[in-house]
Each structure stands twice: as C-alpha cells, then as structure tokens.
Amino acid sequence: MAGIKNVAVQMDHVKSINIAGDSTFAMSLEAQNRGYKLFHYTPERLSMRDGKIYATVEPMILRDVKGDHFELGESERIDLSTMDVVLLRQDPPFDMAYITSTHLLERIHPKTLVVNDPAWVRNSPEKIFVTEFADLMPKTLITRDSGEIRRFREEMGDIILKPLYGNGGAGVFHSTRDDRNLSSLLEMFGQMFREPFIAQQYLPDVRKGDKRIILVDGEAVGAINRVPAEHDARSNMHVGGRAEATELTPREKEICERIGPALKARGFLLVGIDVIGDYMTEINVTSPTGLREVRRFGGPDIASLLWDAIESKRA
C-alpha cells in the first residue's frame, strides 16, 4: 500500500454531494476499501500558523447507500503534513479563495502527496491551460473588450460566451449572428465578473455530445458522452444533459497523446478533458468528474486506476 495510511479529503461538505455521480465519493470510497483512514474537511477549515498547515478534520466512514452515505466522527485539529495523501477536491469557482488554498497546500506537497499538485492547479486554469494546444481547439478569444467580441462573432457567426473561471455550465450562452441580446449580455458579464470572458466558435457537433475523457497520469482511461437537452446549449448532466456510453475516436486518441506529456510533467494524476467533434474545449484539473458515469456505462473502475497511480507515486 506504498506506506499510505491516512488520507484527508478537502471537499465541499460530504452531506451535500449526490453519490450517484460524485467522483470525490468514488475516489474516497476506493481509498476506504483499500484500508486507508479517511479524514474530511471543507476549505474554510484550512489554516496556516507560523509556517505550518493545519486543518480541523473529522474521521469519515462512507457507505454506497443513497440517503445514508456518510458518518463523521469528532472533529480534531491536525497538522496536515501528518497525512500521507490529500485529495484537493472542492468544486470551483476558481477564485482567490481557491487559489489561496493551493498556496497553503503547496507547503506540504510533495512530502504529503496532494492530488492534483496544488502549484500546477493554480497555474493551469482550465480554460487557459487548454490554449497551450491552440491547434486542437476551436477558435477562441479571451477578453473583456466588447468590440473584440463583436468582431469575433461577426467572423465566426455563432459563438459560445462564458465566464473564464466558471464551472458546471453556469453562465454559458449561445449567441447567434443575428442575436440582438449580445450587448445586454456583455453588460451583464461586465457587472458580474472582473476577469476577462471567453468566447469560442460554436461547434454544431455539440448536438451529438460533449465527450468527457478521463486521463490518469497522462493516459486516457475512459470516457462518457454527454448529450445536451433539446432546448439547451449545455451538455452538463446536472442541467439536463444525458450521459451515454462511448468509445474514443482516432482524433480523440491523438488529442490525449498530444497533451499526455504536459499532464505528467505537471504532476496531474487525474484530469478530465472536454471534446466536441474534433476539438478540445477544456482541460479540467481542479475537480474532474465523470468517474462513476464511466463505470456505470461499462467502463473501467477509474477510482481504482487512480489509487494505483497514487500508490506508485508515493512509492
């Protein structure tokens, strides 16, 4: 077991998760099945004092039973560096609170293995990291300049407009060439977000699905296709997208082979990429999802593959 005994999970509170599709639950349950002791804490329970990193944690026991999926013990304040592994798994938004937690966790990594590497998580925002592979992406613009966005739509026709640091399909809009709401939409974005926005060429292939491909230590290990509801541009399952079984195409294998070395170099043990047609749109490194969906549709047990990789890294 590569010397692993204690695993802390930095996550949104376990009581709030839907275990049917929650990848953090799958990862934690596999750790428990391997005999590791789990400790649960939420990001606001993380502290630094005199250069040491502490967290107020609760021992956690999990059960794969809807409505009765967890049990927490008495809380205790621990030196987080006494853990063997920390899973960095709270959901975005990727804001200053998230970034601060990566600075703190960086103090204990790699002696305590943090998955994924907190420094590289901080330096690899999902909609910016992907631009290192511009030839694998749809045409993409990152800006707050409304004139640039209007010129981009004029050139592309239909575009997708979304917040640069959003997640889960929130704030994703499909704007057609003759859409008269673009000015209002840009005003709203300007009021809501201090950061630039991201505009991408609309890919009609999204109607066939937005494929989530999971990579473990730089290798593609499974995928699920997410088909948007008829009247929605978004394929995210929690907003009505439908999951279905899928296989990797030659183009998707090519994409994974291209990005794999960069993922390994950054210490990313678990990554989820999004592919529409022949193009990659995001590289998700903060809290990738899809593990339970892949397994449910007959794919591999990715949680087990991940812990094999973690054990190898610890060894």
C-alpha atoms as a PDB file:
ATOM      1  CA  MET A   1       0.000   0.000   0.000  1.00  0.00           C
ATOM      2  CA  ALA A   2       3.013   2.255  -0.566  1.00  0.00           C
ATOM      3  CA  GLY A   3       3.028   3.402   3.067  1.00  0.00           C
ATOM      4  CA  ILE A   4      -0.386   5.081   2.792  1.00  0.00           C
ATOM      5  CA  LYS A   5      -2.469   5.042   5.966  1.00  0.00           C
ATOM      6  CA  ASN A   6      -4.195   8.418   6.283  1.00  0.00           C
ATOM      7  CA  VAL A   7      -5.999  10.315   3.523  1.00  0.00           C
ATOM      8  CA  ALA A   8      -7.512  13.779   4.022  1.00  0.00           C
ATOM      9  CA  VAL A   9     -10.157  14.994   1.581  1.00  0.00           C
ATOM     10  CA  GLN A  10     -10.592  18.743   1.056  1.00  0.00           C
ATOM     11  CA  MET A  11     -14.070  18.930  -0.418  1.00  0.00           C
ATOM     12  CA  ASP A  12     -17.477  20.551  -0.324  1.00  0.00           C
ATOM     13  CA  HIS A  13     -19.281  19.089   2.675  1.00  0.00           C
ATOM     14  CA  VAL A  14     -19.950  15.389   2.202  1.00  0.00           C
ATOM     15  CA  LYS A  15     -23.593  15.863   3.187  1.00  0.00           C
ATOM     16  CA  SER A  16     -24.161  18.000   0.066  1.00  0.00           C
ATOM     17  CA  ILE A  17     -22.977  15.526  -2.580  1.00  0.00           C
ATOM     18  CA  ASN A  18     -25.038  13.304  -4.878  1.00  0.00           C
ATOM     19  CA  ILE A  19     -23.253   9.976  -4.579  1.00  0.00           C
ATOM     20  CA  ALA A  20     -24.741   8.624  -7.831  1.00  0.00           C
ATOM     21  CA  GLY A  21     -22.445  10.848  -9.872  1.00  0.00           C
ATOM     22  CA  ASP A  22     -19.861  12.242  -7.463  1.00  0.00           C
ATOM     23  CA  SER A  23     -16.253  11.458  -8.373  1.00  0.00           C
ATOM     24  CA  THR A  24     -14.890  12.552  -4.983  1.00  0.00           C
ATOM     25  CA  PHE A  25     -17.149   9.981  -3.353  1.00  0.00           C
ATOM     26  CA  ALA A  26     -15.885   7.299  -5.757  1.00  0.00           C
ATOM     27  CA  MET A  27     -12.250   8.186  -5.064  1.00  0.00           C
ATOM     28  CA  SER A  28     -12.762   8.276  -1.302  1.00  0.00           C
ATOM     29  CA  LEU A  29     -14.744   5.043  -1.227  1.00  0.00           C
ATOM     30  CA  GLU A  30     -11.938   3.269  -3.102  1.00  0.00           C
ATOM     31  CA  ALA A  31      -9.395   4.614  -0.592  1.00  0.00           C
ATOM     32  CA  GLN A  32     -11.550   3.276   2.242  1.00  0.00           C
ATOM     33  CA  ASN A  33     -11.841  -0.104   0.511  1.00  0.00           C
ATOM     34  CA  ARG A  34      -8.041  -0.244   0.383  1.00  0.00           C
ATOM     35  CA  GLY A  35      -7.858   0.144   4.130  1.00  0.00           C
ATOM     36  CA  TYR A  36      -6.915   3.815   4.306  1.00  0.00           C
ATOM     37  CA  LYS A  37      -8.394   6.002   7.043  1.00  0.00           C
ATOM     38  CA  LEU A  38     -10.337   8.961   5.679  1.00  0.00           C
ATOM     39  CA  PHE A  39     -10.456  12.467   7.153  1.00  0.00           C
ATOM     40  CA  HIS A  40     -12.969  15.036   5.888  1.00  0.00           C
ATOM     41  CA  TYR A  41     -12.650  18.820   5.927  1.00  0.00           C
ATOM     42  CA  THR A  42     -14.037  21.775   4.000  1.00  0.00           C
ATOM     43  CA  PRO A  43     -11.758  24.534   2.625  1.00  0.00           C
ATOM     44  CA  GLU A  44     -12.603  27.102   5.308  1.00  0.00           C
ATOM     45  CA  ARG A  45     -11.203  24.719   7.960  1.00  0.00           C
ATOM     46  CA  LEU A  46      -7.708  25.051   6.466  1.00  0.00           C
ATOM     47  CA  SER A  47      -5.199  27.275   8.323  1.00  0.00           C
ATOM     48  CA  MET A  48      -1.546  28.299   8.329  1.00  0.00           C
ATOM     49  CA  ARG A  49       0.199  29.295  11.541  1.00  0.00           C
ATOM     50  CA  ASP A  50       3.919  30.037  11.808  1.00  0.00           C
ATOM     51  CA  GLY A  51       4.519  28.288   8.509  1.00  0.00           C
ATOM     52  CA  LYS A  52       2.675  25.072   9.428  1.00  0.00           C
ATOM     53  CA  ILE A  53      -0.544  23.956   7.744  1.00  0.00           C
ATOM     54  CA  TYR A  54      -3.428  22.808   9.926  1.00  0.00           C
ATOM     55  CA  ALA A  55      -6.950  21.610   9.249  1.00  0.00           C
ATOM     56  CA  THR A  56      -9.874  20.832  11.510  1.00  0.00           C
ATOM     57  CA  VAL A  57     -10.880  17.409  10.248  1.00  0.00           C
ATOM     58  CA  GLU A  58     -13.430  14.706  11.024  1.00  0.00           C
ATOM     59  CA  PRO A  59     -12.794  10.974  10.609  1.00  0.00           C
ATOM     60  CA  MET A  60     -15.107   9.822   7.787  1.00  0.00           C
ATOM     61  CA  ILE A  61     -16.721   6.482   7.008  1.00  0.00           C
ATOM     62  CA  LEU A  62     -18.527   6.117   3.679  1.00  0.00           C
ATOM     63  CA  ARG A  63     -21.327   3.828   2.517  1.00  0.00           C
ATOM     64  CA  ASP A  64     -22.602   3.497  -1.032  1.00  0.00           C
ATOM     65  CA  VAL A  65     -26.157   3.959   0.182  1.00  0.00           C
ATOM     66  CA  LYS A  66     -28.270   6.871  -1.015  1.00  0.00           C
ATOM     67  CA  GLY A  67     -29.502   8.915   1.944  1.00  0.00           C
ATOM     68  CA  ASP A  68     -27.109   7.188   4.355  1.00  0.00           C
ATOM     69  CA  HIS A  69     -23.761   7.618   2.633  1.00  0.00           C
ATOM     70  CA  PHE A  70     -21.509   9.013   5.370  1.00  0.00           C
ATOM     71  CA  GLU A  71     -20.634   9.065   9.034  1.00  0.00           C
ATOM     72  CA  LEU A  72     -18.368  11.701  10.593  1.00  0.00           C
ATOM     73  CA  GLY A  73     -16.504  11.374  13.891  1.00  0.00           C
ATOM     74  CA  GLU A  74     -15.419  14.009  16.382  1.00  0.00           C
ATOM     75  CA  SER A  75     -13.568  16.950  14.855  1.00  0.00           C
ATOM     76  CA  GLU A  76      -9.906  17.453  15.667  1.00  0.00           C
ATOM     77  CA  ARG A  77      -7.237  19.941  14.653  1.00  0.00           C
ATOM     78  CA  ILE A  78      -4.303  18.244  12.926  1.00  0.00           C
ATOM     79  CA  ASP A  79      -1.016  19.168  11.310  1.00  0.00           C
ATOM     80  CA  LEU A  80      -1.967  18.364   7.718  1.00  0.00           C
ATOM     81  CA  SER A  81       1.586  17.299   6.896  1.00  0.00           C
ATOM     82  CA  THR A  82       0.973  14.179   9.017  1.00  0.00           C
ATOM     83  CA  MET A  83      -1.372  12.913   6.298  1.00  0.00           C
ATOM     84  CA  ASP A  84       0.022  10.640   3.589  1.00  0.00           C
ATOM     85  CA  VAL A  85      -2.286  11.954   0.845  1.00  0.00           C
ATOM     86  CA  VAL A  86      -4.565  14.984   0.498  1.00  0.00           C
ATOM     87  CA  LEU A  87      -7.233  14.959  -2.200  1.00  0.00           C
ATOM     88  CA  LEU A  88      -7.858  18.540  -3.374  1.00  0.00           C
ATOM     89  CA  ARG A  89     -11.455  18.110  -4.440  1.00  0.00           C
ATOM     90  CA  GLN A  90     -13.674  21.082  -3.653  1.00  0.00           C
ATOM     91  CA  ASP A  91     -15.587  22.337  -6.656  1.00  0.00           C
ATOM     92  CA  PRO A  92     -14.690  25.635  -8.311  1.00  0.00           C
ATOM     93  CA  PRO A  93     -15.295  28.597  -8.804  1.00  0.00           C
ATOM     94  CA  PHE A  94     -11.603  29.078  -9.296  1.00  0.00           C
ATOM     95  CA  ASP A  95     -11.451  32.281  -7.267  1.00  0.00           C
ATOM     96  CA  MET A  96      -8.972  33.819  -4.818  1.00  0.00           C
ATOM     97  CA  ALA A  97     -10.215  31.516  -2.051  1.00  0.00           C
ATOM     98  CA  TYR A  98      -9.386  28.514  -4.223  1.00  0.00           C
ATOM     99  CA  ILE A  99      -6.027  29.976  -5.195  1.00  0.00           C
ATOM    100  CA  THR A 100      -5.173  30.681  -1.556  1.00  0.00           C
ATOM    101  CA  SER A 101      -5.844  27.058  -0.625  1.00  0.00           C
ATOM    102  CA  THR A 102      -3.350  25.959  -3.296  1.00  0.00           C
ATOM    103  CA  HIS A 103      -0.705  28.243  -1.759  1.00  0.00           C
ATOM    104  CA  LEU A 104      -1.292  26.632   1.638  1.00  0.00           C
ATOM    105  CA  LEU A 105      -1.312  23.051   0.361  1.00  0.00           C
ATOM    106  CA  GLU A 106       1.853  23.734  -1.620  1.00  0.00           C
ATOM    107  CA  ARG A 107       3.665  23.999   1.744  1.00  0.00           C
ATOM    108  CA  ILE A 108       3.117  20.291   2.484  1.00  0.00           C
ATOM    109  CA  HIS A 109       3.452  18.842  -1.043  1.00  0.00           C
ATOM    110  CA  PRO A 110       5.099  16.519  -2.090  1.00  0.00           C
ATOM    111  CA  LYS A 111       6.040  15.074   1.320  1.00  0.00           C
ATOM    112  CA  THR A 112       2.312  14.787   1.742  1.00  0.00           C
ATOM    113  CA  LEU A 113       1.126  13.962  -1.770  1.00  0.00           C
ATOM    114  CA  VAL A 114      -1.556  16.444  -2.833  1.00  0.00           C
ATOM    115  CA  VAL A 115      -3.693  15.283  -5.762  1.00  0.00           C
ATOM    116  CA  ASN A 116      -3.595  17.219  -8.011  1.00  0.00           C
ATOM    117  CA  ASP A 117      -0.326  19.134  -7.455  1.00  0.00           C
ATOM    118  CA  PRO A 118      -1.566  22.436  -5.942  1.00  0.00           C
ATOM    119  CA  ALA A 119       1.029  24.688  -7.593  1.00  0.00           C
ATOM    120  CA  TRP A 120       0.181  23.369 -11.041  1.00  0.00           C
ATOM    121  CA  VAL A 121      -3.552  23.508 -10.322  1.00  0.00           C
ATOM    122  CA  ARG A 122      -3.067  27.194  -9.525  1.00  0.00           C
ATOM    123  CA  ASN A 123      -1.029  27.783 -12.684  1.00  0.00           C
ATOM    124  CA  SER A 124      -3.312  25.818 -15.025  1.00  0.00           C
ATOM    125  CA  PRO A 125      -6.791  27.407 -15.105  1.00  0.00           C
ATOM    126  CA  GLU A 126      -8.932  25.082 -17.151  1.00  0.00           C
ATOM    127  CA  LYS A 127      -9.924  27.479 -19.933  1.00  0.00           C
ATOM    128  CA  ILE A 128      -6.394  28.965 -20.173  1.00  0.00           C
ATOM    129  CA  PHE A 129      -4.224  25.844 -19.862  1.00  0.00           C
ATOM    130  CA  VAL A 130      -6.027  24.405 -22.881  1.00  0.00           C
ATOM    131  CA  THR A 131      -4.845  27.326 -25.044  1.00  0.00           C
ATOM    132  CA  GLU A 132      -1.330  25.840 -24.965  1.00  0.00           C
ATOM    133  CA  PHE A 133      -2.770  23.448 -27.559  1.00  0.00           C
ATOM    134  CA  ALA A 134      -4.411  26.051 -29.798  1.00  0.00           C
ATOM    135  CA  ASP A 135      -4.358  23.805 -32.871  1.00  0.00           C
ATOM    136  CA  LEU A 136      -6.524  21.254 -31.013  1.00  0.00           C
ATOM    137  CA  MET A 137      -9.149  23.859 -30.027  1.00  0.00           C
ATOM    138  CA  PRO A 138     -11.994  25.715 -31.715  1.00  0.00           C
ATOM    139  CA  LYS A 139     -11.269  29.379 -32.477  1.00  0.00           C
ATOM    140  CA  THR A 140     -11.092  31.091 -29.086  1.00  0.00           C
ATOM    141  CA  LEU A 141     -10.995  34.668 -27.784  1.00  0.00           C
ATOM    142  CA  ILE A 142     -10.233  35.754 -24.189  1.00  0.00           C
ATOM    143  CA  THR A 143     -11.026  39.426 -23.500  1.00  0.00           C
ATOM    144  CA  ARG A 144     -13.247  41.973 -21.747  1.00  0.00           C
ATOM    145  CA  ASP A 145     -13.256  44.181 -24.837  1.00  0.00           C
ATOM    146  CA  SER A 146     -16.819  44.202 -26.194  1.00  0.00           C
ATOM    147  CA  GLY A 147     -15.600  45.388 -29.594  1.00  0.00           C
ATOM    148  CA  GLU A 148     -13.302  42.371 -29.867  1.00  0.00           C
ATOM    149  CA  ILE A 149     -16.183  40.043 -29.003  1.00  0.00           C
ATOM    150  CA  ARG A 150     -18.480  41.641 -31.588  1.00  0.00           C
ATOM    151  CA  ARG A 151     -15.792  41.316 -34.269  1.00  0.00           C
ATOM    152  CA  PHE A 152     -15.257  37.709 -33.245  1.00  0.00           C
ATOM    153  CA  ARG A 153     -18.968  36.906 -33.588  1.00  0.00           C
ATOM    154  CA  GLU A 154     -19.104  38.663 -36.945  1.00  0.00           C
ATOM    155  CA  GLU A 155     -16.255  36.451 -38.143  1.00  0.00           C
ATOM    156  CA  MET A 156     -17.428  33.176 -36.557  1.00  0.00           C
ATOM    157  CA  GLY A 157     -21.194  33.551 -36.888  1.00  0.00           C
ATOM    158  CA  ASP A 158     -22.454  31.632 -33.857  1.00  0.00           C
ATOM    159  CA  ILE A 159     -20.350  31.795 -30.692  1.00  0.00           C
ATOM    160  CA  ILE A 160     -20.383  30.473 -27.151  1.00  0.00           C
ATOM    161  CA  LEU A 161     -19.769  33.096 -24.450  1.00  0.00           C
ATOM    162  CA  LYS A 162     -18.908  32.019 -20.895  1.00  0.00           C
ATOM    163  CA  PRO A 163     -17.083  33.204 -17.763  1.00  0.00           C
ATOM    164  CA  LEU A 164     -13.359  32.467 -17.814  1.00  0.00           C
ATOM    165  CA  TYR A 165     -13.366  30.913 -14.338  1.00  0.00           C
ATOM    166  CA  GLY A 166     -16.869  29.436 -14.252  1.00  0.00           C
ATOM    167  CA  ASN A 167     -17.810  25.790 -13.916  1.00  0.00           C
ATOM    168  CA  GLY A 168     -20.634  23.326 -14.336  1.00  0.00           C
ATOM    169  CA  GLY A 169     -22.181  25.097 -17.327  1.00  0.00           C
ATOM    170  CA  ALA A 170     -23.116  28.182 -15.290  1.00  0.00           C
ATOM    171  CA  GLY A 171     -23.234  31.365 -17.353  1.00  0.00           C
ATOM    172  CA  VAL A 172     -22.750  29.637 -20.725  1.00  0.00           C
ATOM    173  CA  PHE A 173     -24.596  31.375 -23.584  1.00  0.00           C
ATOM    174  CA  HIS A 174     -25.003  30.549 -27.258  1.00  0.00           C
ATOM    175  CA  SER A 175     -25.136  33.777 -29.269  1.00  0.00           C
ATOM    176  CA  THR A 176     -26.099  33.556 -32.950  1.00  0.00           C
ATOM    177  CA  ARG A 177     -25.051  36.069 -35.602  1.00  0.00           C
ATOM    178  CA  ASP A 178     -28.460  37.788 -35.549  1.00  0.00           C
ATOM    179  CA  ASP A 179     -28.912  37.665 -31.755  1.00  0.00           C
ATOM    180  CA  ARG A 180     -29.842  41.173 -30.583  1.00  0.00           C
ATOM    181  CA  ASN A 181     -29.085  40.377 -26.931  1.00  0.00           C
ATOM    182  CA  LEU A 182     -25.289  40.418 -27.213  1.00  0.00           C
ATOM    183  CA  SER A 183     -24.881  43.991 -25.938  1.00  0.00           C
ATOM    184  CA  SER A 184     -27.075  43.278 -22.907  1.00  0.00           C
ATOM    185  CA  LEU A 185     -25.230  40.033 -22.306  1.00  0.00           C
ATOM    186  CA  LEU A 186     -21.851  41.793 -22.355  1.00  0.00           C
ATOM    187  CA  GLU A 187     -23.148  44.456 -19.970  1.00  0.00           C
ATOM    188  CA  MET A 188     -24.315  41.735 -17.582  1.00  0.00           C
ATOM    189  CA  PHE A 189     -20.983  39.889 -17.802  1.00  0.00           C
ATOM    190  CA  GLY A 190     -19.155  43.165 -17.171  1.00  0.00           C
ATOM    191  CA  GLN A 191     -21.149  43.737 -13.991  1.00  0.00           C
ATOM    192  CA  MET A 192     -20.800  40.154 -12.730  1.00  0.00           C
ATOM    193  CA  PHE A 193     -17.144  39.404 -13.469  1.00  0.00           C
ATOM    194  CA  ARG A 194     -13.927  41.373 -13.022  1.00  0.00           C
ATOM    195  CA  GLU A 195     -11.992  38.926 -15.177  1.00  0.00           C
ATOM    196  CA  PRO A 196     -11.974  38.635 -18.969  1.00  0.00           C
ATOM    197  CA  PHE A 197     -14.606  36.467 -20.648  1.00  0.00           C
ATOM    198  CA  ILE A 198     -14.076  33.611 -23.076  1.00  0.00           C
ATOM    199  CA  ALA A 199     -15.750  33.399 -26.464  1.00  0.00           C
ATOM    200  CA  GLN A 200     -15.446  30.325 -28.668  1.00  0.00           C
ATOM    201  CA  GLN A 201     -16.579  29.359 -32.118  1.00  0.00           C
ATOM    202  CA  TYR A 202     -19.867  27.455 -31.781  1.00  0.00           C
ATOM    203  CA  LEU A 203     -19.445  23.808 -32.739  1.00  0.00           C
ATOM    204  CA  PRO A 204     -22.675  22.279 -34.157  1.00  0.00           C
ATOM    205  CA  ASP A 205     -21.294  18.845 -33.254  1.00  0.00           C
ATOM    206  CA  VAL A 206     -22.255  19.636 -29.641  1.00  0.00           C
ATOM    207  CA  ARG A 207     -25.749  18.379 -30.536  1.00  0.00           C
ATOM    208  CA  LYS A 208     -24.143  14.917 -30.889  1.00  0.00           C
ATOM    209  CA  GLY A 209     -22.494  15.303 -27.495  1.00  0.00           C
ATOM    210  CA  ASP A 210     -19.724  16.852 -25.446  1.00  0.00           C
ATOM    211  CA  LYS A 211     -17.371  13.999 -24.569  1.00  0.00           C
ATOM    212  CA  ARG A 212     -15.688  13.888 -21.149  1.00  0.00           C
ATOM    213  CA  ILE A 213     -12.444  11.894 -21.379  1.00  0.00           C
ATOM    214  CA  ILE A 214     -10.667  10.924 -18.152  1.00  0.00           C
ATOM    215  CA  LEU A 215      -6.872  10.661 -18.044  1.00  0.00           C
ATOM    216  CA  VAL A 216      -4.898   9.115 -15.184  1.00  0.00           C
ATOM    217  CA  ASP A 217      -1.230  10.116 -15.027  1.00  0.00           C
ATOM    218  CA  GLY A 218      -1.376  11.347 -18.615  1.00  0.00           C
ATOM    219  CA  GLU A 219      -3.084   8.251 -20.102  1.00  0.00           C
ATOM    220  CA  ALA A 220      -6.670   8.128 -21.374  1.00  0.00           C
ATOM    221  CA  VAL A 221      -8.575   5.514 -19.364  1.00  0.00           C
ATOM    222  CA  GLY A 222     -12.269   6.117 -20.048  1.00  0.00           C
ATOM    223  CA  ALA A 223     -14.914   8.420 -21.474  1.00  0.00           C
ATOM    224  CA  ILE A 224     -18.581   9.293 -21.318  1.00  0.00           C
ATOM    225  CA  ASN A 225     -20.598  11.239 -23.872  1.00  0.00           C
ATOM    226  CA  ARG A 226     -22.903  13.986 -22.584  1.00  0.00           C
ATOM    227  CA  VAL A 227     -25.729  14.975 -24.924  1.00  0.00           C
ATOM    228  CA  PRO A 228     -27.452  18.311 -24.266  1.00  0.00           C
ATOM    229  CA  ALA A 229     -31.192  18.546 -23.793  1.00  0.00           C
ATOM    230  CA  GLU A 230     -33.108  19.598 -26.900  1.00  0.00           C
ATOM    231  CA  HIS A 231     -33.551  23.235 -25.857  1.00  0.00           C
ATOM    232  CA  ASP A 232     -30.208  23.771 -24.087  1.00  0.00           C
ATOM    233  CA  ALA A 233     -26.736  24.559 -25.437  1.00  0.00           C
ATOM    234  CA  ARG A 234     -25.083  22.968 -22.385  1.00  0.00           C
ATOM    235  CA  SER A 235     -24.343  19.278 -22.002  1.00  0.00           C
ATOM    236  CA  ASN A 236     -23.563  19.258 -18.255  1.00  0.00           C
ATOM    237  CA  MET A 237     -25.553  16.451 -16.677  1.00  0.00           C
ATOM    238  CA  HIS A 238     -26.795  18.475 -13.698  1.00  0.00           C
ATOM    239  CA  VAL A 239     -28.524  20.897 -16.122  1.00  0.00           C
ATOM    240  CA  GLY A 240     -30.268  18.174 -18.119  1.00  0.00           C
ATOM    241  CA  GLY A 241     -27.539  16.614 -20.254  1.00  0.00           C
ATOM    242  CA  ARG A 242     -27.903  12.883 -20.962  1.00  0.00           C
ATOM    243  CA  ALA A 243     -24.998  10.507 -20.403  1.00  0.00           C
ATOM    244  CA  GLU A 244     -24.340   7.703 -22.853  1.00  0.00           C
ATOM    245  CA  ALA A 245     -21.643   5.100 -23.465  1.00  0.00           C
ATOM    246  CA  THR A 246     -18.933   5.958 -25.962  1.00  0.00           C
ATOM    247  CA  GLU A 247     -15.577   4.930 -27.400  1.00  0.00           C
ATOM    248  CA  LEU A 248     -12.587   7.117 -28.241  1.00  0.00           C
ATOM    249  CA  THR A 249     -12.193   8.125 -31.879  1.00  0.00           C
ATOM    250  CA  PRO A 250      -8.771   8.245 -33.571  1.00  0.00           C
ATOM    251  CA  ARG A 251      -8.842  12.054 -33.283  1.00  0.00           C
ATOM    252  CA  GLU A 252      -9.593  11.877 -29.548  1.00  0.00           C
ATOM    253  CA  LYS A 253      -6.746   9.418 -29.038  1.00  0.00           C
ATOM    254  CA  GLU A 254      -4.483  11.843 -30.912  1.00  0.00           C
ATOM    255  CA  ILE A 255      -5.560  14.696 -28.607  1.00  0.00           C
ATOM    256  CA  CYS A 256      -4.845  12.604 -25.499  1.00  0.00           C
ATOM    257  CA  GLU A 257      -1.435  11.549 -26.803  1.00  0.00           C
ATOM    258  CA  ARG A 258      -0.562  15.190 -27.503  1.00  0.00           C
ATOM    259  CA  ILE A 259      -1.486  16.510 -24.077  1.00  0.00           C
ATOM    260  CA  GLY A 260      -0.400  13.484 -22.013  1.00  0.00           C
ATOM    261  CA  PRO A 261       3.270  14.507 -21.580  1.00  0.00           C
ATOM    262  CA  ALA A 262       2.259  18.000 -20.383  1.00  0.00           C
ATOM    263  CA  LEU A 263      -0.121  16.490 -17.820  1.00  0.00           C
ATOM    264  CA  LYS A 264       2.551  14.135 -16.481  1.00  0.00           C
ATOM    265  CA  ALA A 265       5.121  16.954 -16.323  1.00  0.00           C
ATOM    266  CA  ARG A 266       2.727  18.964 -14.128  1.00  0.00           C
ATOM    267  CA  GLY A 267       2.005  16.048 -11.817  1.00  0.00           C
ATOM    268  CA  PHE A 268      -1.665  15.840 -12.793  1.00  0.00           C
ATOM    269  CA  LEU A 269      -2.781  12.374 -11.736  1.00  0.00           C
ATOM    270  CA  LEU A 270      -6.461  12.945 -12.572  1.00  0.00           C
ATOM    271  CA  VAL A 271      -7.657  15.120 -15.457  1.00  0.00           C
ATOM    272  CA  GLY A 272     -10.904  15.388 -17.398  1.00  0.00           C
ATOM    273  CA  ILE A 273     -10.899  16.931 -20.856  1.00  0.00           C
ATOM    274  CA  ASP A 274     -13.949  18.017 -22.849  1.00  0.00           C
ATOM    275  CA  VAL A 275     -14.077  17.263 -26.580  1.00  0.00           C
ATOM    276  CA  ILE A 276     -16.735  18.347 -29.063  1.00  0.00           C
ATOM    277  CA  GLY A 277     -16.346  16.820 -32.519  1.00  0.00           C
ATOM    278  CA  ASP A 278     -12.672  17.140 -33.380  1.00  0.00           C
ATOM    279  CA  TYR A 279     -11.861  19.878 -30.862  1.00  0.00           C
ATOM    280  CA  MET A 280     -10.863  20.035 -27.203  1.00  0.00           C
ATOM    281  CA  THR A 281     -12.562  22.865 -25.304  1.00  0.00           C
ATOM    282  CA  GLU A 282     -11.290  22.471 -21.702  1.00  0.00           C
ATOM    283  CA  ILE A 283      -8.705  20.665 -19.583  1.00  0.00           C
ATOM    284  CA  ASN A 284     -10.235  20.170 -16.121  1.00  0.00           C
ATOM    285  CA  VAL A 285      -7.651  19.820 -13.347  1.00  0.00           C
ATOM    286  CA  THR A 286      -9.360  21.258 -10.255  1.00  0.00           C
ATOM    287  CA  SER A 287     -12.073  18.700  -9.500  1.00  0.00           C
ATOM    288  CA  PRO A 288     -12.600  16.480 -12.569  1.00  0.00           C
ATOM    289  CA  THR A 289     -15.830  14.479 -12.662  1.00  0.00           C
ATOM    290  CA  GLY A 290     -17.198  11.538 -14.620  1.00  0.00           C
ATOM    291  CA  LEU A 291     -15.717   8.537 -12.792  1.00  0.00           C
ATOM    292  CA  ARG A 292     -18.995   6.987 -11.672  1.00  0.00           C
ATOM    293  CA  GLU A 293     -20.691   7.630 -15.031  1.00  0.00           C
ATOM    294  CA  VAL A 294     -17.891   5.846 -16.903  1.00  0.00           C
ATOM    295  CA  ARG A 295     -18.191   2.840 -14.589  1.00  0.00           C
ATOM    296  CA  ARG A 296     -21.999   2.819 -14.787  1.00  0.00           C
ATOM    297  CA  PHE A 297     -21.857   2.524 -18.577  1.00  0.00           C
ATOM    298  CA  GLY A 298     -19.480  -0.432 -18.525  1.00  0.00           C
ATOM    299  CA  GLY A 299     -16.148   1.394 -18.488  1.00  0.00           C
ATOM    300  CA  PRO A 300     -13.212   0.786 -16.169  1.00  0.00           C
ATOM    301  CA  ASP A 301     -13.076   1.480 -12.442  1.00  0.00           C
ATOM    302  CA  ILE A 302     -11.129   4.736 -12.760  1.00  0.00           C
ATOM    303  CA  ALA A 303     -11.041   5.305  -8.996  1.00  0.00           C
ATOM    304  CA  SER A 304      -9.064   2.081  -8.665  1.00  0.00           C
ATOM    305  CA  LEU A 305      -6.719   3.079 -11.505  1.00  0.00           C
ATOM    306  CA  LEU A 306      -6.178   6.450  -9.832  1.00  0.00           C
ATOM    307  CA  TRP A 307      -5.226   4.892  -6.500  1.00  0.00           C
ATOM    308  CA  ASP A 308      -2.839   2.553  -8.308  1.00  0.00           C
ATOM    309  CA  ALA A 309      -1.173   5.685  -9.707  1.00  0.00           C
ATOM    310  CA  ILE A 310      -1.151   7.420  -6.295  1.00  0.00           C
ATOM    311  CA  GLU A 311       0.435   4.372  -4.670  1.00  0.00           C
ATOM    312  CA  SER A 312       3.053   4.251  -7.412  1.00  0.00           C
ATOM    313  CA  LYS A 313       3.794   7.956  -6.925  1.00  0.00           C
ATOM    314  CA  ARG A 314       4.091   7.512  -3.149  1.00  0.00           C
ATOM    315  CA  ALA A 315       6.427   4.553  -3.641  1.00  0.00           C
END
